Amino acid sequence: MQGSANLNLMLKAARKAGRSLAKDFREVENLQVGSKAPGDFVSRADLAAEKILREELRGARPTYGWMAEESPEEAGEDPTRRWIVDPLDGTTNFLHGMPHFAVSIALEHKGEIVAGVIHDPAKDETFFAEKGQGAWMNESRLRVSGRTSMIEAVFATGLPFANKPYLPAVLQDLGRVLPVCAGVRRFGSAALDMAYVAAGRYDGYWERGLKAWDFAAGVVIVREAGGFVEPLRETQNLMETGSVLAASGAMFEPFSKLVRERPES
């Protein structure tokens, strides 16, 4: 795919940050067998990746706004464009030496996500899309799953941890979803969950308690792959809520009926 200058910039930045994370990840794997906790090291790896992204993205587009997990939000001279960045999505996986994490970059224009890149350095998979240009993984065009039967479908979600809320709601969701599908996965990276919906690996994904940088890039990638992305509660704004629902076209209606929040919930 021949992308725009902005998309090519995003791909270059994501891969450069990914190389930094991959190098640090090899060190984290070694730390697992020692007595020293790797938490501080992982925090430094996260910040180093964000530094690379900032230098690449803001260096080339200094007027764009900036929203990232590890730094304060900044308004740009151009109020219509903003980078939304997560330098390390799947921090807990990274911390525990599990090779399932990603660099995520989205470009927002006038409140709409128009380009997204999700780079998985451990597997050398780069998912990306630009509005109107389709979705891709490396050199392959992406399409959402064509499965039409719920009993054959595999879904993904996030599970609340460390005393976070939403546990009762998620347990209720699982009670409705698990009996009618082929399985539910929890892999620990919202960005990659969205990418996997776009790739047809999952038939749908839902989660509460997210931040915009967790799922922003995935929005355009799923949509350009032929899927749907909406807030769990229909009356909410997708980029302002922390709850997201993504699925293939065939699965969206039956799946959403099982997990969609009612106004009173």
Protein backbone atom coordinates (compact mmCIF):
# COMPACT_ATOMS: atom_id res chain seq x y z
CA MET A 1 0.00 0.00 0.00
CA GLN A 2 1.24 3.49 -0.89
CA GLY A 3 0.33 5.53 2.18
CA SER A 4 0.24 9.25 2.79
CA ALA A 5 3.21 11.15 4.20
CA ASN A 6 1.57 11.07 7.64
CA LEU A 7 0.98 7.32 7.54
CA ASN A 8 4.54 6.65 6.40
CA LEU A 9 5.77 8.84 9.25
CA MET A 10 3.66 6.86 11.72
CA LEU A 11 4.95 3.54 10.41
CA LYS A 12 8.56 4.69 10.66
CA ALA A 13 8.05 5.99 14.21
CA ALA A 14 6.23 2.84 15.40
CA ARG A 15 8.90 0.52 14.04
CA LYS A 16 11.71 2.59 15.51
CA ALA A 17 10.05 2.58 18.94
CA GLY A 18 9.37 -1.13 18.51
CA ARG A 19 13.06 -1.86 17.98
CA SER A 20 13.82 -0.08 21.24
CA LEU A 21 11.18 -2.10 23.07
CA ALA A 22 12.35 -5.38 21.55
CA LYS A 23 15.88 -4.71 22.75
CA ASP A 24 14.64 -3.88 26.26
CA PHE A 25 12.28 -6.87 26.25
CA ARG A 26 15.20 -9.25 25.89
CA GLU A 27 16.64 -7.73 29.06
CA VAL A 28 13.31 -8.04 30.89
CA GLU A 29 13.22 -11.75 30.04
CA ASN A 30 16.60 -12.12 31.75
CA LEU A 31 15.39 -10.19 34.80
CA GLN A 32 12.57 -12.69 35.39
CA VAL A 33 14.98 -15.24 36.87
CA GLY A 34 16.62 -12.80 39.29
CA SER A 35 15.52 -11.31 42.56
CA LYS A 36 15.46 -7.72 41.29
CA ALA A 37 11.97 -6.63 40.22
CA PRO A 38 11.95 -5.45 36.60
CA GLY A 39 9.25 -2.81 37.16
CA ASP A 40 11.58 0.20 37.13
CA PHE A 41 13.37 -1.11 34.08
CA VAL A 42 10.06 -1.52 32.22
CA SER A 43 9.04 2.03 33.14
CA ARG A 44 12.28 3.29 31.62
CA ALA A 45 11.65 1.20 28.49
CA ASP A 46 8.16 2.70 28.19
CA LEU A 47 9.48 6.25 28.54
CA ALA A 48 12.31 5.59 26.08
CA ALA A 49 9.80 4.40 23.48
CA GLU A 50 7.64 7.48 24.03
CA LYS A 51 10.69 9.72 23.63
CA ILE A 52 11.35 8.16 20.23
CA LEU A 53 7.73 8.65 19.17
CA ARG A 54 7.70 12.25 20.32
CA GLU A 55 10.92 13.03 18.49
CA GLU A 56 9.73 11.39 15.28
CA LEU A 57 6.12 12.58 15.24
CA ARG A 58 6.33 16.04 16.78
CA GLY A 59 9.66 16.63 15.14
CA ALA A 60 8.04 16.18 11.73
CA ARG A 61 4.65 17.72 12.63
CA PRO A 62 5.35 20.23 15.42
CA THR A 63 1.95 21.94 15.09
CA TYR A 64 -0.09 18.80 15.88
CA GLY A 65 -1.47 18.21 19.35
CA TRP A 66 -0.26 15.34 21.54
CA MET A 67 -2.00 12.82 23.79
CA ALA A 68 0.01 9.96 25.26
CA GLU A 69 -0.14 7.65 28.25
CA GLU A 70 3.13 8.74 29.84
CA SER A 71 3.01 12.52 29.42
CA PRO A 72 0.62 15.46 29.84
CA GLU A 73 -1.72 16.27 26.98
CA GLU A 74 -0.54 19.16 24.80
CA ALA A 75 -2.56 21.34 22.47
CA GLY A 76 -1.00 22.07 19.11
CA GLU A 77 -0.96 25.21 17.03
CA ASP A 78 -3.14 23.25 14.62
CA PRO A 79 -6.29 22.60 16.70
CA THR A 80 -7.70 20.15 14.14
CA ARG A 81 -4.98 17.48 14.36
CA ARG A 82 -3.68 15.41 17.24
CA TRP A 83 -1.41 12.43 17.76
CA ILE A 84 -2.85 9.84 20.18
CA VAL A 85 -0.05 7.54 21.29
CA ASP A 86 0.56 4.54 23.52
CA PRO A 87 4.27 3.67 23.44
CA LEU A 88 3.76 0.34 25.21
CA ASP A 89 0.30 -1.22 25.25
CA GLY A 90 0.46 -4.46 27.21
CA THR A 91 2.82 -3.26 29.93
CA THR A 92 1.96 -6.12 32.28
CA ASN A 93 2.76 -8.67 29.58
CA PHE A 94 6.07 -6.90 28.93
CA LEU A 95 6.83 -6.82 32.64
CA HIS A 96 6.29 -10.57 32.94
CA GLY A 97 8.31 -11.48 29.87
CA MET A 98 5.29 -12.36 27.73
CA PRO A 99 5.77 -11.40 24.06
CA HIS A 100 2.40 -9.77 23.45
CA PHE A 101 2.59 -5.97 23.47
CA ALA A 102 2.45 -3.16 20.95
CA VAL A 103 3.23 0.40 19.97
CA SER A 104 0.04 2.25 19.05
CA ILE A 105 -0.25 5.54 17.12
CA ALA A 106 -3.42 7.25 15.91
CA LEU A 107 -3.92 10.49 14.04
CA GLU A 108 -7.07 12.41 14.85
CA HIS A 109 -8.41 15.09 12.49
CA LYS A 110 -11.39 17.20 13.52
CA GLY A 111 -12.43 14.64 16.12
CA GLU A 112 -12.16 11.63 13.79
CA ILE A 113 -9.43 9.00 13.73
CA VAL A 114 -8.13 9.08 10.14
CA ALA A 115 -5.02 6.90 10.41
CA GLY A 116 -3.75 4.25 12.80
CA VAL A 117 -0.72 2.02 13.30
CA ILE A 118 -0.38 -0.86 15.78
CA HIS A 119 3.06 -2.45 15.72
CA ASP A 120 3.82 -5.74 17.48
CA PRO A 121 7.63 -5.92 17.65
CA ALA A 122 7.76 -9.39 19.21
CA LYS A 123 5.95 -10.97 16.23
CA ASP A 124 7.04 -8.43 13.61
CA GLU A 125 3.44 -7.64 12.71
CA THR A 126 2.40 -4.12 11.81
CA PHE A 127 -1.33 -3.39 11.47
CA PHE A 128 -2.22 -0.09 9.84
CA ALA A 129 -4.96 1.78 8.05
CA GLU A 130 -5.86 5.14 6.64
CA LYS A 131 -9.41 6.34 6.09
CA GLY A 132 -10.65 5.23 2.69
CA GLN A 133 -7.54 3.17 1.91
CA GLY A 134 -8.27 -0.17 3.53
CA ALA A 135 -6.49 -1.94 6.38
CA TRP A 136 -3.26 -3.91 6.19
CA MET A 137 -0.96 -6.18 8.18
CA ASN A 138 2.56 -5.92 6.76
CA GLU A 139 1.94 -6.59 3.04
CA SER A 140 -1.44 -8.32 3.41
CA ARG A 141 -4.86 -6.71 3.11
CA LEU A 142 -7.01 -7.19 6.21
CA ARG A 143 -10.66 -8.22 6.33
CA VAL A 144 -12.75 -8.95 9.38
CA SER A 145 -14.00 -12.48 9.99
CA GLY A 146 -16.67 -13.87 7.70
CA ARG A 147 -18.10 -16.20 10.33
CA THR A 148 -21.85 -15.84 10.82
CA SER A 149 -22.57 -18.34 13.60
CA MET A 150 -22.08 -17.26 17.21
CA ILE A 151 -21.20 -20.79 18.31
CA GLU A 152 -18.17 -20.68 15.99
CA ALA A 153 -17.05 -17.22 17.10
CA VAL A 154 -14.15 -16.29 19.38
CA PHE A 155 -14.29 -13.00 21.27
CA ALA A 156 -11.83 -10.99 23.35
CA THR A 157 -12.21 -8.76 26.37
CA GLY A 158 -10.32 -7.24 29.28
CA LEU A 159 -10.75 -8.36 32.88
CA PRO A 160 -10.68 -5.82 35.73
CA PHE A 161 -7.65 -6.20 37.99
CA ALA A 162 -6.11 -4.61 41.08
CA ASN A 163 -9.46 -3.64 42.58
CA LYS A 164 -10.63 -1.82 39.45
CA PRO A 165 -14.37 -1.45 38.95
CA TYR A 166 -16.54 -3.14 36.30
CA LEU A 167 -15.96 -6.68 37.60
CA PRO A 168 -19.69 -7.36 38.20
CA ALA A 169 -20.57 -6.04 34.74
CA VAL A 170 -17.87 -8.13 33.06
CA LEU A 171 -18.94 -11.27 34.91
CA GLN A 172 -22.50 -10.68 33.73
CA ASP A 173 -21.22 -10.22 30.17
CA LEU A 174 -19.26 -13.46 30.35
CA GLY A 175 -22.29 -15.26 31.68
CA ARG A 176 -24.18 -14.27 28.53
CA VAL A 177 -21.36 -14.65 25.99
CA LEU A 178 -19.55 -17.86 27.03
CA PRO A 179 -22.53 -20.24 26.63
CA VAL A 180 -23.15 -19.22 23.01
CA CYS A 181 -19.65 -18.92 21.50
CA ALA A 182 -16.45 -20.90 20.87
CA GLY A 183 -14.47 -19.00 23.50
CA VAL A 184 -13.40 -15.71 25.06
CA ARG A 185 -9.77 -14.61 25.24
CA ARG A 186 -7.96 -12.12 27.48
CA PHE A 187 -4.48 -11.44 26.08
CA GLY A 188 -3.72 -8.14 27.82
CA SER A 189 -3.35 -5.62 24.99
CA ALA A 190 -6.37 -3.61 23.91
CA ALA A 191 -4.57 -2.34 20.81
CA LEU A 192 -3.77 -5.87 19.62
CA ASP A 193 -7.28 -7.05 20.49
CA MET A 194 -8.62 -4.42 18.08
CA ALA A 195 -6.03 -5.37 15.45
CA TYR A 196 -6.99 -9.02 15.77
CA VAL A 197 -10.65 -8.16 15.11
CA ALA A 198 -9.54 -6.40 11.92
CA ALA A 199 -7.48 -9.46 10.95
CA GLY A 200 -10.37 -11.88 11.50
CA ARG A 201 -8.58 -13.63 14.36
CA TYR A 202 -11.30 -12.50 16.75
CA ASP A 203 -14.92 -12.05 15.75
CA GLY A 204 -15.46 -9.30 18.31
CA TYR A 205 -14.00 -7.47 21.28
CA TRP A 206 -15.39 -5.44 24.16
CA GLU A 207 -13.87 -3.73 27.18
CA ARG A 208 -14.58 -1.09 29.82
CA GLY A 209 -12.25 1.31 31.60
CA LEU A 210 -9.97 2.14 28.67
CA LYS A 211 -8.24 5.36 27.71
CA ALA A 212 -8.34 6.85 24.21
CA TRP A 213 -4.75 5.81 23.48
CA ASP A 214 -5.61 2.16 24.19
CA PHE A 215 -8.01 1.81 21.27
CA ALA A 216 -7.77 4.92 19.03
CA ALA A 217 -5.54 3.36 16.36
CA GLY A 218 -7.71 0.26 16.31
CA VAL A 219 -10.83 2.25 15.46
CA VAL A 220 -9.77 3.10 11.91
CA ILE A 221 -8.05 -0.26 11.38
CA VAL A 222 -11.21 -2.24 12.27
CA ARG A 223 -13.47 0.03 10.24
CA GLU A 224 -11.21 -0.08 7.18
CA ALA A 225 -11.18 -3.88 7.46
CA GLY A 226 -14.98 -3.89 7.20
CA GLY A 227 -15.89 -4.04 10.87
CA PHE A 228 -17.82 -1.81 13.26
CA VAL A 229 -16.58 0.06 16.32
CA GLU A 230 -18.94 1.81 18.74
CA PRO A 231 -19.14 2.73 22.43
CA LEU A 232 -20.73 0.13 24.68
CA ARG A 233 -23.39 2.65 25.56
CA GLU A 234 -24.90 4.01 22.35
CA THR A 235 -25.47 7.53 23.68
CA GLN A 236 -21.79 8.09 24.49
CA ASN A 237 -19.01 9.61 22.38
CA LEU A 238 -16.55 6.87 21.41
CA MET A 239 -13.40 8.90 22.04
CA GLU A 240 -14.63 10.25 25.36
CA THR A 241 -15.87 7.00 26.86
CA GLY A 242 -13.63 4.28 28.22
CA SER A 243 -15.86 1.51 26.87
CA VAL A 244 -15.56 0.06 23.37
CA LEU A 245 -17.29 -2.60 21.28
CA ALA A 246 -15.80 -3.86 18.00
CA ALA A 247 -16.92 -6.72 15.76
CA SER A 248 -17.30 -7.95 12.23
CA GLY A 249 -20.39 -6.88 10.34
CA ALA A 250 -22.05 -10.27 10.65
CA MET A 251 -21.39 -10.56 14.38
CA PHE A 252 -21.95 -7.01 15.51
CA GLU A 253 -25.72 -7.15 16.08
CA PRO A 254 -25.96 -10.47 17.98
CA PHE A 255 -22.75 -9.76 19.89
CA SER A 256 -23.76 -6.22 20.86
CA LYS A 257 -27.08 -7.48 22.20
CA LEU A 258 -25.15 -9.60 24.70
CA VAL A 259 -22.65 -7.02 25.99
CA ARG A 260 -24.09 -3.58 25.23
CA GLU A 261 -24.76 -1.44 28.29
CA ARG A 262 -28.33 -0.40 28.95
CA PRO A 263 -29.02 3.26 29.85
CA GLU A 264 -29.77 2.30 33.45
CA SER A 265 -26.55 0.29 33.91
